[in-house]
């Protein structure tokens, strides 16, 4: 689920002595968790603001952590045949990938950063997958990659392979927007109403279903934030 407008920009030269020093680390912000769900349009606005700060040099990058109000979104490769079967509106966005759902019980993280010139978007996707797998391990859960498919996968309660986390990014001049979503305690029912990420031969699961106990986005946010900050330090300009 990747979209790129052009190649990463070359990093600007280091500031001269006496000039203000650039920020030293990515800043994380918890925007809203239950019951303070964040409208999707507000999430888009926050991403745009974070990208502007990044471009202006006032921040090295921002991680936004939140839960959205229920919404279906469609990336650039979406097929209308995959849209919700009941005619529920879908928000078109500029990320890669296809149709997905965000809503209560799902942890969303938007890492707004500039990649180093030698780091590709696919490299970031792989790094984010590994980060999610490591976070799952902190809860005693096993996640893995599936060759040829992005995101993180796990064995659902019925023993079938199912997707537990989605990744959809947009890159322009090396600046990343959009991000990842981890199904924590959300009701999986909305995923039955469309074709998630264009995948017809696998299901969707949640951390809570895998664990047999409730794991909320608020519980996952802190370890995800810590690991994301460390991951991004290794790839950002």
C-alpha atoms as a PDB file:
ATOM      1  CA  UNK A   1       0.000   0.000   0.000  1.00  0.00           C
ATOM      2  CA  UNK A   2       2.508   2.556  -1.237  1.00  0.00           C
ATOM      3  CA  UNK A   3       2.191   5.715  -3.303  1.00  0.00           C
ATOM      4  CA  UNK A   4       5.043   7.944  -4.459  1.00  0.00           C
ATOM      5  CA  UNK A   5       4.850  11.224  -6.355  1.00  0.00           C
ATOM      6  CA  UNK A   6       8.571  11.607  -7.002  1.00  0.00           C
ATOM      7  CA  UNK A   7      12.001  10.608  -5.780  1.00  0.00           C
ATOM      8  CA  UNK A   8      13.220  11.550  -2.280  1.00  0.00           C
ATOM      9  CA  UNK A   9      14.788  14.974  -2.105  1.00  0.00           C
ATOM     10  CA  UNK A  10      18.456  15.382  -1.244  1.00  0.00           C
ATOM     11  CA  UNK A  11      19.021  16.382   2.346  1.00  0.00           C
ATOM     12  CA  UNK A  12      19.795  20.037   2.890  1.00  0.00           C
ATOM     13  CA  UNK A  13      23.303  21.003   3.952  1.00  0.00           C
ATOM     14  CA  UNK A  14      24.148  21.316   7.644  1.00  0.00           C
ATOM     15  CA  UNK A  15      23.481  24.691   9.292  1.00  0.00           C
ATOM     16  CA  UNK A  16      26.399  27.079   9.692  1.00  0.00           C
ATOM     17  CA  UNK A  17      27.820  27.982  13.096  1.00  0.00           C
ATOM     18  CA  UNK A  18      25.627  30.502  14.885  1.00  0.00           C
ATOM     19  CA  UNK A  19      22.442  29.472  13.102  1.00  0.00           C
ATOM     20  CA  UNK A  20      19.571  27.798  15.006  1.00  0.00           C
ATOM     21  CA  UNK A  21      20.184  24.078  15.336  1.00  0.00           C
ATOM     22  CA  UNK A  22      17.659  21.699  13.776  1.00  0.00           C
ATOM     23  CA  UNK A  23      15.399  19.583  16.003  1.00  0.00           C
ATOM     24  CA  UNK A  24      17.095  16.451  17.318  1.00  0.00           C
ATOM     25  CA  UNK A  25      14.268  13.920  17.391  1.00  0.00           C
ATOM     26  CA  UNK A  26      10.842  12.940  16.142  1.00  0.00           C
ATOM     27  CA  UNK A  27       8.010  14.205  18.335  1.00  0.00           C
ATOM     28  CA  UNK A  28       5.090  11.928  19.252  1.00  0.00           C
ATOM     29  CA  UNK A  29       1.564  13.131  19.949  1.00  0.00           C
ATOM     30  CA  UNK A  30      -1.444  11.220  21.258  1.00  0.00           C
ATOM     31  CA  UNK A  31      -4.360  12.888  19.496  1.00  0.00           C
ATOM     32  CA  UNK A  32      -7.441  11.033  20.703  1.00  0.00           C
ATOM     33  CA  UNK A  33      -8.449   7.678  22.155  1.00  0.00           C
ATOM     34  CA  UNK A  34     -11.816   6.328  23.300  1.00  0.00           C
ATOM     35  CA  UNK A  35     -14.135   8.046  23.910  1.00  0.00           C
ATOM     36  CA  UNK A  36     -12.482  10.996  22.118  1.00  0.00           C
ATOM     37  CA  UNK A  37     -12.413   9.497  18.631  1.00  0.00           C
ATOM     38  CA  UNK A  38     -10.861  11.614  15.873  1.00  0.00           C
ATOM     39  CA  UNK A  39     -12.770  12.411  12.653  1.00  0.00           C
ATOM     40  CA  UNK A  40     -10.821  11.228   9.629  1.00  0.00           C
ATOM     41  CA  UNK A  41     -10.791  14.696   8.054  1.00  0.00           C
ATOM     42  CA  UNK A  42      -9.182  16.079  11.214  1.00  0.00           C
ATOM     43  CA  UNK A  43      -6.520  13.390  10.979  1.00  0.00           C
ATOM     44  CA  UNK A  44      -5.751  14.481   7.414  1.00  0.00           C
ATOM     45  CA  UNK A  45      -5.459  18.106   8.559  1.00  0.00           C
ATOM     46  CA  UNK A  46      -3.079  17.154  11.365  1.00  0.00           C
ATOM     47  CA  UNK A  47      -0.908  15.278   8.874  1.00  0.00           C
ATOM     48  CA  UNK A  48      -0.788  18.308   6.585  1.00  0.00           C
ATOM     49  CA  UNK A  49       0.210  20.542   9.499  1.00  0.00           C
ATOM     50  CA  UNK A  50       2.938  18.116  10.566  1.00  0.00           C
ATOM     51  CA  UNK A  51       4.267  17.938   7.000  1.00  0.00           C
ATOM     52  CA  UNK A  52       4.387  21.742   6.846  1.00  0.00           C
ATOM     53  CA  UNK A  53       6.401  21.881  10.095  1.00  0.00           C
ATOM     54  CA  UNK A  54       8.757  19.272   8.676  1.00  0.00           C
ATOM     55  CA  UNK A  55       9.220  21.242   5.464  1.00  0.00           C
ATOM     56  CA  UNK A  56       9.791  24.417   7.490  1.00  0.00           C
ATOM     57  CA  UNK A  57      12.515  22.792   9.547  1.00  0.00           C
ATOM     58  CA  UNK A  58      10.830  23.330  12.914  1.00  0.00           C
ATOM     59  CA  UNK A  59      10.434  19.581  13.481  1.00  0.00           C
ATOM     60  CA  UNK A  60      12.376  16.496  12.464  1.00  0.00           C
ATOM     61  CA  UNK A  61       9.111  14.602  12.185  1.00  0.00           C
ATOM     62  CA  UNK A  62       5.881  13.797  13.999  1.00  0.00           C
ATOM     63  CA  UNK A  63       4.148  10.587  15.037  1.00  0.00           C
ATOM     64  CA  UNK A  64       0.382  10.970  15.471  1.00  0.00           C
ATOM     65  CA  UNK A  65      -1.363   8.257  17.503  1.00  0.00           C
ATOM     66  CA  UNK A  66      -5.152   8.000  17.603  1.00  0.00           C
ATOM     67  CA  UNK A  67      -8.435   6.177  17.100  1.00  0.00           C
ATOM     68  CA  UNK A  68     -10.706   7.382  14.308  1.00  0.00           C
ATOM     69  CA  UNK A  69     -14.455   7.642  14.116  1.00  0.00           C
ATOM     70  CA  UNK A  70     -15.729   4.901  11.755  1.00  0.00           C
ATOM     71  CA  UNK A  71     -14.717   5.541   8.152  1.00  0.00           C
ATOM     72  CA  UNK A  72     -13.938   3.670   4.941  1.00  0.00           C
ATOM     73  CA  UNK A  73     -11.050   5.036   2.877  1.00  0.00           C
ATOM     74  CA  UNK A  74      -9.852   4.144  -0.620  1.00  0.00           C
ATOM     75  CA  UNK A  75      -6.255   4.374  -1.816  1.00  0.00           C
ATOM     76  CA  UNK A  76      -5.162   5.027  -5.356  1.00  0.00           C
ATOM     77  CA  UNK A  77      -5.391   1.393  -6.488  1.00  0.00           C
ATOM     78  CA  UNK A  78      -8.921   0.847  -5.184  1.00  0.00           C
ATOM     79  CA  UNK A  79     -11.491  -0.918  -7.334  1.00  0.00           C
ATOM     80  CA  UNK A  80     -15.136   0.172  -6.888  1.00  0.00           C
ATOM     81  CA  UNK A  81     -16.072  -3.532  -6.818  1.00  0.00           C
ATOM     82  CA  UNK A  82     -14.260  -3.706  -3.469  1.00  0.00           C
ATOM     83  CA  UNK A  83     -16.288  -0.866  -1.896  1.00  0.00           C
ATOM     84  CA  UNK A  84     -18.805  -1.510   0.935  1.00  0.00           C
ATOM     85  CA  UNK A  85     -21.699  -3.561  -0.357  1.00  0.00           C
ATOM     86  CA  UNK A  86     -24.318  -1.428   1.415  1.00  0.00           C
ATOM     87  CA  UNK A  87     -23.331   1.810  -0.307  1.00  0.00           C
ATOM     88  CA  UNK A  88     -21.610   3.347   2.729  1.00  0.00           C
ATOM     89  CA  UNK A  89     -19.602   6.409   1.581  1.00  0.00           C
ATOM     90  CA  UNK A  90     -15.865   5.932   1.025  1.00  0.00           C
ATOM     91  CA  UNK A  91     -13.265   8.707   1.381  1.00  0.00           C
ATOM     92  CA  UNK A  92     -10.723   8.743  -1.492  1.00  0.00           C
ATOM     93  CA  UNK A  93      -7.155   9.437  -0.298  1.00  0.00           C
ATOM     94  CA  UNK A  94      -3.710   9.768  -1.877  1.00  0.00           C
ATOM     95  CA  UNK A  95      -2.056   6.839  -0.104  1.00  0.00           C
ATOM     96  CA  UNK A  96      -1.172   3.630  -1.856  1.00  0.00           C
ATOM     97  CA  UNK A  97      -3.272   0.518  -1.535  1.00  0.00           C
ATOM     98  CA  UNK A  98      -6.965  -0.118  -1.713  1.00  0.00           C
ATOM     99  CA  UNK A  99     -10.039   0.088   0.512  1.00  0.00           C
ATOM    100  CA  UNK A 100      -9.761  -0.192   4.280  1.00  0.00           C
ATOM    101  CA  UNK A 101     -11.674   0.711   7.430  1.00  0.00           C
ATOM    102  CA  UNK A 102     -10.688   2.801  10.450  1.00  0.00           C
ATOM    103  CA  UNK A 103     -12.673   3.155  13.633  1.00  0.00           C
ATOM    104  CA  UNK A 104     -12.980   2.608  17.377  1.00  0.00           C
ATOM    105  CA  UNK A 105     -10.753  -0.139  18.738  1.00  0.00           C
ATOM    106  CA  UNK A 106      -8.163   0.262  15.998  1.00  0.00           C
ATOM    107  CA  UNK A 107      -4.873   2.043  16.748  1.00  0.00           C
ATOM    108  CA  UNK A 108      -3.711   4.329  13.937  1.00  0.00           C
ATOM    109  CA  UNK A 109      -0.212   5.803  13.750  1.00  0.00           C
ATOM    110  CA  UNK A 110       0.830   8.441  11.219  1.00  0.00           C
ATOM    111  CA  UNK A 111       4.627   8.888  11.027  1.00  0.00           C
ATOM    112  CA  UNK A 112       5.190  12.193   9.208  1.00  0.00           C
ATOM    113  CA  UNK A 113       8.897  12.106   8.377  1.00  0.00           C
ATOM    114  CA  UNK A 114      11.415  12.660   5.574  1.00  0.00           C
ATOM    115  CA  UNK A 115      13.329   9.559   4.488  1.00  0.00           C
ATOM    116  CA  UNK A 116      17.052   9.561   3.942  1.00  0.00           C
ATOM    117  CA  UNK A 117      17.897   9.558   0.200  1.00  0.00           C
ATOM    118  CA  UNK A 118      19.210   5.994   0.405  1.00  0.00           C
ATOM    119  CA  UNK A 119      16.050   4.695   2.124  1.00  0.00           C
ATOM    120  CA  UNK A 120      13.125   3.672  -0.086  1.00  0.00           C
ATOM    121  CA  UNK A 121       9.451   3.551   0.790  1.00  0.00           C
ATOM    122  CA  UNK A 122       9.476  -0.247   0.664  1.00  0.00           C
ATOM    123  CA  UNK A 123      12.333  -0.181   3.185  1.00  0.00           C
ATOM    124  CA  UNK A 124      10.116   1.840   5.506  1.00  0.00           C
ATOM    125  CA  UNK A 125       7.206  -0.572   5.041  1.00  0.00           C
ATOM    126  CA  UNK A 126       9.439  -3.500   6.029  1.00  0.00           C
ATOM    127  CA  UNK A 127      10.707  -1.559   9.063  1.00  0.00           C
ATOM    128  CA  UNK A 128       7.150  -0.723  10.155  1.00  0.00           C
ATOM    129  CA  UNK A 129       6.106  -4.352   9.798  1.00  0.00           C
ATOM    130  CA  UNK A 130       8.989  -5.426  12.025  1.00  0.00           C
ATOM    131  CA  UNK A 131       8.060  -2.744  14.552  1.00  0.00           C
ATOM    132  CA  UNK A 132       4.477  -4.016  14.749  1.00  0.00           C
ATOM    133  CA  UNK A 133       5.676  -7.614  15.117  1.00  0.00           C
ATOM    134  CA  UNK A 134       7.926  -6.529  18.004  1.00  0.00           C
ATOM    135  CA  UNK A 135       5.036  -4.699  19.697  1.00  0.00           C
ATOM    136  CA  UNK A 136       2.848  -7.785  19.394  1.00  0.00           C
ATOM    137  CA  UNK A 137       5.594  -9.826  21.055  1.00  0.00           C
ATOM    138  CA  UNK A 138       5.406  -7.506  24.085  1.00  0.00           C
ATOM    139  CA  UNK A 139       1.841  -8.765  24.537  1.00  0.00           C
ATOM    140  CA  UNK A 140       2.888 -12.384  24.089  1.00  0.00           C
ATOM    141  CA  UNK A 141       1.514 -12.549  20.546  1.00  0.00           C
ATOM    142  CA  UNK A 142       3.101 -13.775  17.330  1.00  0.00           C
ATOM    143  CA  UNK A 143       2.847 -11.776  14.118  1.00  0.00           C
ATOM    144  CA  UNK A 144       4.596 -12.316  10.809  1.00  0.00           C
ATOM    145  CA  UNK A 145       4.994 -11.112   7.268  1.00  0.00           C
ATOM    146  CA  UNK A 146       3.486 -12.808   4.234  1.00  0.00           C
ATOM    147  CA  UNK A 147       5.576 -12.703   1.085  1.00  0.00           C
ATOM    148  CA  UNK A 148       4.044 -10.536  -1.603  1.00  0.00           C
ATOM    149  CA  UNK A 149       1.640  -8.820   0.805  1.00  0.00           C
ATOM    150  CA  UNK A 150       2.203  -5.818   3.034  1.00  0.00           C
ATOM    151  CA  UNK A 151       1.130  -5.519   6.654  1.00  0.00           C
ATOM    152  CA  UNK A 152       1.337  -7.954   9.538  1.00  0.00           C
ATOM    153  CA  UNK A 153      -0.426 -11.306   9.706  1.00  0.00           C
ATOM    154  CA  UNK A 154      -1.290 -13.789  12.452  1.00  0.00           C
ATOM    155  CA  UNK A 155      -3.243 -16.956  13.079  1.00  0.00           C
ATOM    156  CA  UNK A 156      -6.816 -16.044  13.972  1.00  0.00           C
ATOM    157  CA  UNK A 157      -8.859 -17.874  16.624  1.00  0.00           C
ATOM    158  CA  UNK A 158     -10.046 -20.346  13.971  1.00  0.00           C
ATOM    159  CA  UNK A 159      -6.458 -21.142  13.000  1.00  0.00           C
ATOM    160  CA  UNK A 160      -6.709 -19.383   9.651  1.00  0.00           C
ATOM    161  CA  UNK A 161      -4.159 -16.802   8.546  1.00  0.00           C
ATOM    162  CA  UNK A 162      -5.586 -13.294   8.928  1.00  0.00           C
ATOM    163  CA  UNK A 163      -4.382  -9.715   8.685  1.00  0.00           C
ATOM    164  CA  UNK A 164      -3.969  -7.867  11.977  1.00  0.00           C
ATOM    165  CA  UNK A 165      -2.243  -4.660  10.828  1.00  0.00           C
ATOM    166  CA  UNK A 166      -2.342  -2.599   7.646  1.00  0.00           C
ATOM    167  CA  UNK A 167       0.229  -0.198   6.211  1.00  0.00           C
ATOM    168  CA  UNK A 168      -0.593   2.456   3.608  1.00  0.00           C
ATOM    169  CA  UNK A 169       1.859   5.260   2.809  1.00  0.00           C
ATOM    170  CA  UNK A 170       2.184   8.269   0.545  1.00  0.00           C
ATOM    171  CA  UNK A 171       5.572   9.753  -0.358  1.00  0.00           C
ATOM    172  CA  UNK A 172       6.277  13.110  -1.976  1.00  0.00           C
ATOM    173  CA  UNK A 173       9.806  14.517  -2.190  1.00  0.00           C
ATOM    174  CA  UNK A 174      10.779  11.954   0.402  1.00  0.00           C
ATOM    175  CA  UNK A 175       8.150  13.124   2.904  1.00  0.00           C
ATOM    176  CA  UNK A 176       5.935  10.343   4.229  1.00  0.00           C
ATOM    177  CA  UNK A 177       2.270  10.765   5.164  1.00  0.00           C
ATOM    178  CA  UNK A 178      -0.453   8.287   6.139  1.00  0.00           C
ATOM    179  CA  UNK A 179       0.819   5.275   8.054  1.00  0.00           C
ATOM    180  CA  UNK A 180      -0.288   2.101   9.812  1.00  0.00           C
ATOM    181  CA  UNK A 181      -3.312   0.677  11.616  1.00  0.00           C
ATOM    182  CA  UNK A 182      -3.344  -2.141  14.169  1.00  0.00           C
ATOM    183  CA  UNK A 183      -6.604  -3.942  14.884  1.00  0.00           C
ATOM    184  CA  UNK A 184      -6.678  -4.040  18.680  1.00  0.00           C
ATOM    185  CA  UNK A 185     -10.192  -4.411  20.100  1.00  0.00           C
ATOM    186  CA  UNK A 186     -12.345  -3.294  17.173  1.00  0.00           C
ATOM    187  CA  UNK A 187     -15.400  -5.195  16.007  1.00  0.00           C
ATOM    188  CA  UNK A 188     -14.345  -7.050  12.817  1.00  0.00           C
ATOM    189  CA  UNK A 189     -17.851  -6.771  11.363  1.00  0.00           C
ATOM    190  CA  UNK A 190     -17.104  -3.696   9.172  1.00  0.00           C
ATOM    191  CA  UNK A 191     -14.439  -5.722   7.338  1.00  0.00           C
ATOM    192  CA  UNK A 192     -17.126  -8.166   6.203  1.00  0.00           C
ATOM    193  CA  UNK A 193     -18.842  -5.385   4.254  1.00  0.00           C
ATOM    194  CA  UNK A 194     -16.068  -4.849   1.680  1.00  0.00           C
ATOM    195  CA  UNK A 195     -12.881  -6.435   0.324  1.00  0.00           C
ATOM    196  CA  UNK A 196     -10.156  -5.371   2.779  1.00  0.00           C
ATOM    197  CA  UNK A 197      -7.020  -4.182   0.991  1.00  0.00           C
ATOM    198  CA  UNK A 198      -8.226  -6.014  -2.117  1.00  0.00           C
ATOM    199  CA  UNK A 199      -7.562  -9.411  -0.501  1.00  0.00           C
ATOM    200  CA  UNK A 200     -10.312 -11.967  -1.094  1.00  0.00           C
ATOM    201  CA  UNK A 201      -8.592 -15.130   0.157  1.00  0.00           C
ATOM    202  CA  UNK A 202      -7.763 -14.194   3.770  1.00  0.00           C
ATOM    203  CA  UNK A 203      -9.561 -12.752   6.763  1.00  0.00           C
ATOM    204  CA  UNK A 204      -9.017 -10.022   9.330  1.00  0.00           C
ATOM    205  CA  UNK A 205      -8.332 -10.456  13.025  1.00  0.00           C
ATOM    206  CA  UNK A 206      -7.521  -8.342  16.100  1.00  0.00           C
ATOM    207  CA  UNK A 207      -4.979  -8.496  18.901  1.00  0.00           C
ATOM    208  CA  UNK A 208      -7.830  -9.139  21.332  1.00  0.00           C
ATOM    209  CA  UNK A 209      -9.129 -12.085  19.316  1.00  0.00           C
ATOM    210  CA  UNK A 210      -5.661 -13.626  19.083  1.00  0.00           C
ATOM    211  CA  UNK A 211      -4.933 -13.106  22.787  1.00  0.00           C
ATOM    212  CA  UNK A 212      -8.333 -14.156  24.092  1.00  0.00           C
ATOM    213  CA  UNK A 213      -8.455 -10.997  26.184  1.00  0.00           C
ATOM    214  CA  UNK A 214      -9.167  -7.328  25.535  1.00  0.00           C
ATOM    215  CA  UNK A 215      -6.193  -5.294  24.309  1.00  0.00           C
ATOM    216  CA  UNK A 216      -7.113  -1.670  23.637  1.00  0.00           C
ATOM    217  CA  UNK A 217      -5.451   0.931  21.411  1.00  0.00           C
ATOM    218  CA  UNK A 218      -4.522   2.955  24.496  1.00  0.00           C
ATOM    219  CA  UNK A 219      -2.608  -0.047  25.854  1.00  0.00           C
ATOM    220  CA  UNK A 220      -0.742  -0.588  22.599  1.00  0.00           C
ATOM    221  CA  UNK A 221       0.008   3.099  21.953  1.00  0.00           C
ATOM    222  CA  UNK A 222       2.855   3.461  24.464  1.00  0.00           C
ATOM    223  CA  UNK A 223       4.992   0.501  23.320  1.00  0.00           C
ATOM    224  CA  UNK A 224       4.242   1.332  19.683  1.00  0.00           C
ATOM    225  CA  UNK A 225       5.330   4.935  20.201  1.00  0.00           C
ATOM    226  CA  UNK A 226       8.598   3.894  21.814  1.00  0.00           C
ATOM    227  CA  UNK A 227       9.450   1.384  19.117  1.00  0.00           C
ATOM    228  CA  UNK A 228       8.346   3.667  16.277  1.00  0.00           C
ATOM    229  CA  UNK A 229      10.593   6.466  17.506  1.00  0.00           C
ATOM    230  CA  UNK A 230      13.555   4.075  17.537  1.00  0.00           C
ATOM    231  CA  UNK A 231      12.684   2.676  14.082  1.00  0.00           C
ATOM    232  CA  UNK A 232      12.341   6.115  12.492  1.00  0.00           C
ATOM    233  CA  UNK A 233      15.663   7.307  13.898  1.00  0.00           C
ATOM    234  CA  UNK A 234      17.293   4.779  11.596  1.00  0.00           C
ATOM    235  CA  UNK A 235      15.576   5.870   8.363  1.00  0.00           C
ATOM    236  CA  UNK A 236      14.872   9.606   8.508  1.00  0.00           C
ATOM    237  CA  UNK A 237      16.901  12.456   7.070  1.00  0.00           C
END
